[in-house]
């Protein structure tokens, strides 16, 4: 206890504690500016992405976001992306890839593997050759290693094919789709390799709507005569 009127004694640590509890004006101003800038940018960033969502079909790579947000500072860019994730504007599908609340799964599949093409039940259902297809799964074929991606309740499957079997598909609005005949052959080819589907490849496909001449032409590219005989038996 000190006597009345005596100056309060200060210790070496007092100034440090005081600065921690009550930051100086410069530190306080800098902190307030960062918070304000962060809060202001979030609605602006969300608006920018909303304007691009249709063009991007709800799919964004890290590079897409860097261009959209125009932020050259890695730390600042990372904070802004984190804010968009926390606000639910974006969701991370996997490292380097983000999706909006509504997005196109085939587009994401194509961007993950640009040389792939959508096939199998996705094509058969799209062409109304089967009645059901997984709504949250896309199956595609590609030259190279098979890959499987699972996130956010969705699945993307890329099955490996030989280079000489990479045919029978064309691009539609940025996504490569197999034609119906190639989709059937892919289904049967991988069925023999143990792949299973949500539909029965022997009874659920409307074979009457397929182009038999095109199938025969495609079969000339297959080097396994047993597979050719198998397909002919399915179609007979």
Protein backbone atom coordinates (compact mmCIF):
# COMPACT_ATOMS: atom_id res chain seq x y z
CA UNK A 1 0.00 0.00 0.00
CA UNK A 2 1.26 3.46 -0.85
CA UNK A 3 0.66 6.71 1.02
CA UNK A 4 -1.83 9.21 -0.38
CA UNK A 5 -0.33 11.65 -2.81
CA UNK A 6 2.72 9.48 -3.57
CA UNK A 7 3.28 8.71 -7.28
CA UNK A 8 2.38 5.18 -8.31
CA UNK A 9 5.44 3.02 -8.82
CA UNK A 10 5.70 1.39 -12.21
CA UNK A 11 7.51 -1.81 -13.05
CA UNK A 12 9.21 -2.92 -16.23
CA UNK A 13 6.42 -5.31 -17.17
CA UNK A 14 3.63 -2.78 -16.70
CA UNK A 15 4.13 -1.16 -20.09
CA UNK A 16 4.09 -4.51 -21.89
CA UNK A 17 0.88 -5.58 -20.16
CA UNK A 18 -0.72 -2.21 -20.82
CA UNK A 19 0.10 -2.44 -24.53
CA UNK A 20 -1.37 -5.93 -24.70
CA UNK A 21 -4.56 -4.90 -22.92
CA UNK A 22 -4.83 -1.49 -24.53
CA UNK A 23 -3.03 -1.52 -27.91
CA UNK A 24 -1.64 1.78 -29.08
CA UNK A 25 -3.59 3.80 -31.62
CA UNK A 26 -1.51 2.65 -34.58
CA UNK A 27 -1.97 -1.06 -33.76
CA UNK A 28 -5.66 -0.57 -33.02
CA UNK A 29 -6.19 1.36 -36.26
CA UNK A 30 -4.44 -1.34 -38.30
CA UNK A 31 -6.55 -4.08 -36.69
CA UNK A 32 -9.78 -2.17 -37.29
CA UNK A 33 -8.82 -1.56 -40.93
CA UNK A 34 -8.16 -5.29 -41.53
CA UNK A 35 -11.48 -6.29 -39.98
CA UNK A 36 -13.39 -3.61 -41.88
CA UNK A 37 -11.69 -4.49 -45.17
CA UNK A 38 -12.44 -8.18 -44.60
CA UNK A 39 -16.12 -7.53 -43.83
CA UNK A 40 -16.54 -5.22 -46.81
CA UNK A 41 -14.91 -7.63 -49.27
CA UNK A 42 -17.04 -10.67 -48.39
CA UNK A 43 -20.33 -9.42 -49.93
CA UNK A 44 -18.38 -8.05 -52.90
CA UNK A 45 -16.58 -11.36 -53.44
CA UNK A 46 -19.83 -13.29 -53.13
CA UNK A 47 -21.40 -11.04 -55.75
CA UNK A 48 -18.49 -11.56 -58.13
CA UNK A 49 -18.75 -15.34 -57.84
CA UNK A 50 -22.53 -15.27 -58.20
CA UNK A 51 -22.06 -13.45 -61.49
CA UNK A 52 -19.65 -16.14 -62.70
CA UNK A 53 -21.55 -19.16 -61.38
CA UNK A 54 -23.62 -19.68 -64.53
CA UNK A 55 -20.64 -19.38 -66.86
CA UNK A 56 -18.54 -21.66 -64.63
CA UNK A 57 -21.48 -23.99 -63.94
CA UNK A 58 -20.72 -23.60 -60.27
CA UNK A 59 -17.20 -25.05 -60.56
CA UNK A 60 -14.09 -23.06 -59.62
CA UNK A 61 -10.44 -23.99 -59.52
CA UNK A 62 -8.02 -22.07 -57.32
CA UNK A 63 -6.79 -20.33 -60.47
CA UNK A 64 -10.37 -19.33 -61.35
CA UNK A 65 -10.75 -17.73 -57.93
CA UNK A 66 -7.42 -15.92 -58.18
CA UNK A 67 -8.55 -14.36 -61.46
CA UNK A 68 -12.04 -13.56 -60.18
CA UNK A 69 -10.92 -11.99 -56.90
CA UNK A 70 -7.88 -10.27 -58.43
CA UNK A 71 -5.80 -10.67 -55.30
CA UNK A 72 -2.05 -11.04 -55.78
CA UNK A 73 -1.27 -11.51 -52.09
CA UNK A 74 -1.41 -15.21 -51.09
CA UNK A 75 -2.30 -14.57 -47.43
CA UNK A 76 -5.07 -12.12 -48.30
CA UNK A 77 -6.40 -14.42 -51.02
CA UNK A 78 -6.46 -17.37 -48.62
CA UNK A 79 -8.40 -15.33 -46.04
CA UNK A 80 -10.97 -14.26 -48.61
CA UNK A 81 -11.49 -17.84 -49.83
CA UNK A 82 -11.81 -19.02 -46.21
CA UNK A 83 -14.46 -16.38 -45.61
CA UNK A 84 -16.41 -17.55 -48.68
CA UNK A 85 -16.24 -21.13 -47.39
CA UNK A 86 -17.38 -20.15 -43.91
CA UNK A 87 -20.25 -18.11 -45.36
CA UNK A 88 -21.37 -21.08 -47.46
CA UNK A 89 -20.81 -19.25 -50.75
CA UNK A 90 -18.28 -21.94 -51.74
CA UNK A 91 -17.65 -25.53 -50.73
CA UNK A 92 -14.33 -27.32 -51.10
CA UNK A 93 -14.69 -30.48 -53.20
CA UNK A 94 -11.03 -31.40 -53.03
CA UNK A 95 -7.73 -29.59 -52.88
CA UNK A 96 -7.67 -26.86 -55.50
CA UNK A 97 -11.33 -27.29 -56.49
CA UNK A 98 -14.41 -25.53 -55.15
CA UNK A 99 -18.11 -25.63 -56.00
CA UNK A 100 -21.03 -23.30 -55.46
CA UNK A 101 -24.17 -24.44 -53.68
CA UNK A 102 -25.57 -25.47 -57.09
CA UNK A 103 -23.07 -26.92 -59.55
CA UNK A 104 -22.85 -29.25 -62.54
CA UNK A 105 -21.21 -32.57 -61.67
CA UNK A 106 -20.32 -33.53 -65.28
CA UNK A 107 -18.54 -30.18 -65.67
CA UNK A 108 -16.52 -30.84 -62.53
CA UNK A 109 -15.65 -34.32 -63.83
CA UNK A 110 -14.48 -32.87 -67.13
CA UNK A 111 -12.35 -30.23 -65.48
CA UNK A 112 -10.72 -32.76 -63.18
CA UNK A 113 -9.74 -34.82 -66.24
CA UNK A 114 -10.02 -32.73 -69.44
CA UNK A 115 -9.26 -35.74 -71.68
CA UNK A 116 -12.07 -37.86 -70.19
CA UNK A 117 -15.59 -38.35 -71.52
CA UNK A 118 -18.85 -39.04 -69.67
CA UNK A 119 -20.24 -42.49 -70.47
CA UNK A 120 -21.97 -45.52 -68.92
CA UNK A 121 -25.32 -45.07 -67.16
CA UNK A 122 -25.09 -41.28 -67.22
CA UNK A 123 -25.29 -41.29 -71.02
CA UNK A 124 -27.87 -44.08 -71.24
CA UNK A 125 -30.14 -42.25 -68.78
CA UNK A 126 -29.62 -38.94 -70.57
CA UNK A 127 -30.72 -40.57 -73.84
CA UNK A 128 -33.66 -42.26 -72.06
CA UNK A 129 -32.32 -45.75 -72.75
CA UNK A 130 -32.57 -46.70 -69.08
CA UNK A 131 -35.00 -45.50 -66.47
CA UNK A 132 -32.63 -44.76 -63.59
CA UNK A 133 -29.19 -43.31 -63.06
CA UNK A 134 -27.37 -42.13 -59.93
CA UNK A 135 -28.11 -38.44 -59.42
CA UNK A 136 -24.99 -37.86 -57.37
CA UNK A 137 -22.51 -39.94 -59.36
CA UNK A 138 -20.78 -39.45 -62.69
CA UNK A 139 -18.86 -42.19 -64.46
CA UNK A 140 -16.40 -41.34 -67.18
CA UNK A 141 -13.68 -43.07 -69.20
CA UNK A 142 -10.18 -41.80 -69.81
CA UNK A 143 -6.81 -42.91 -71.11
CA UNK A 144 -4.58 -43.23 -68.08
CA UNK A 145 -4.95 -44.28 -64.48
CA UNK A 146 -8.40 -44.85 -62.99
CA UNK A 147 -9.43 -42.36 -60.31
CA UNK A 148 -12.31 -42.08 -57.88
CA UNK A 149 -13.28 -38.85 -56.13
CA UNK A 150 -15.76 -38.70 -53.23
CA UNK A 151 -16.79 -35.49 -51.48
CA UNK A 152 -19.88 -33.60 -50.31
CA UNK A 153 -22.02 -36.68 -50.91
CA UNK A 154 -21.02 -36.91 -54.60
CA UNK A 155 -18.84 -39.37 -56.47
CA UNK A 156 -16.87 -39.03 -59.70
CA UNK A 157 -15.42 -42.21 -61.20
CA UNK A 158 -12.86 -42.17 -64.02
CA UNK A 159 -12.23 -45.65 -65.44
CA UNK A 160 -9.12 -46.36 -67.48
CA UNK A 161 -9.36 -47.33 -71.14
CA UNK A 162 -6.71 -48.13 -73.74
CA UNK A 163 -5.85 -45.41 -76.23
CA UNK A 164 -7.32 -47.37 -79.15
CA UNK A 165 -10.72 -47.37 -77.38
CA UNK A 166 -10.82 -43.61 -76.92
CA UNK A 167 -13.49 -42.82 -79.54
CA UNK A 168 -17.24 -42.39 -79.93
CA UNK A 169 -17.66 -39.15 -78.00
CA UNK A 170 -17.99 -35.45 -78.72
CA UNK A 171 -18.15 -32.19 -76.79
CA UNK A 172 -21.44 -30.59 -75.83
CA UNK A 173 -21.21 -27.24 -74.05
CA UNK A 174 -17.74 -27.95 -72.73
CA UNK A 175 -18.33 -31.55 -71.64
CA UNK A 176 -17.38 -34.64 -73.66
CA UNK A 177 -20.24 -37.15 -73.84
CA UNK A 178 -20.13 -40.63 -75.36
CA UNK A 179 -22.76 -41.46 -77.92
CA UNK A 180 -25.31 -44.09 -76.93
CA UNK A 181 -23.56 -46.92 -78.75
CA UNK A 182 -20.17 -46.25 -77.15
CA UNK A 183 -21.81 -45.92 -73.74
CA UNK A 184 -23.33 -49.39 -74.17
CA UNK A 185 -19.97 -50.87 -75.16
CA UNK A 186 -18.28 -49.20 -72.19
CA UNK A 187 -20.94 -50.63 -69.86
CA UNK A 188 -20.47 -54.15 -71.22
CA UNK A 189 -16.68 -53.90 -71.42
CA UNK A 190 -16.31 -52.92 -67.77
CA UNK A 191 -19.07 -55.31 -66.68
CA UNK A 192 -16.76 -58.13 -67.73
CA UNK A 193 -14.08 -56.50 -65.58
CA UNK A 194 -16.25 -56.59 -62.50
CA UNK A 195 -17.86 -53.15 -62.61
CA UNK A 196 -21.41 -53.12 -61.26
CA UNK A 197 -24.16 -50.62 -61.95
CA UNK A 198 -27.48 -49.53 -60.45
CA UNK A 199 -29.22 -50.96 -63.53
CA UNK A 200 -29.13 -54.39 -65.13
CA UNK A 201 -27.13 -54.17 -68.36
CA UNK A 202 -28.94 -57.24 -69.76
CA UNK A 203 -32.55 -56.25 -69.14
CA UNK A 204 -32.81 -52.51 -68.37
CA UNK A 205 -31.35 -51.03 -71.58
CA UNK A 206 -33.65 -50.29 -74.51
CA UNK A 207 -31.48 -51.89 -77.21
CA UNK A 208 -34.07 -51.23 -79.95
CA UNK A 209 -33.12 -47.55 -80.07
CA UNK A 210 -29.43 -48.17 -80.72
CA UNK A 211 -27.71 -47.95 -84.11
CA UNK A 212 -26.58 -51.52 -84.79
CA UNK A 213 -24.42 -50.55 -87.77
CA UNK A 214 -22.53 -48.07 -85.64
CA UNK A 215 -22.00 -50.70 -82.96
CA UNK A 216 -20.63 -53.14 -85.57
CA UNK A 217 -18.25 -50.45 -86.80
CA UNK A 218 -17.09 -49.71 -83.26
CA UNK A 219 -16.56 -53.41 -82.52
CA UNK A 220 -13.95 -53.56 -85.28
CA UNK A 221 -11.68 -51.51 -83.00
CA UNK A 222 -11.80 -54.01 -80.16
CA UNK A 223 -8.91 -56.47 -80.17
CA UNK A 224 -10.53 -59.06 -77.93
CA UNK A 225 -12.66 -61.42 -80.04
CA UNK A 226 -14.31 -62.83 -76.90
CA UNK A 227 -15.68 -59.38 -76.06
CA UNK A 228 -17.00 -58.95 -79.60
CA UNK A 229 -18.78 -62.32 -79.36
CA UNK A 230 -20.16 -61.35 -75.96
CA UNK A 231 -21.63 -58.08 -77.29
CA UNK A 232 -23.15 -59.81 -80.29
CA UNK A 233 -24.80 -62.26 -77.93
CA UNK A 234 -26.26 -59.44 -75.84
CA UNK A 235 -27.68 -57.75 -78.96
CA UNK A 236 -29.13 -60.91 -80.51
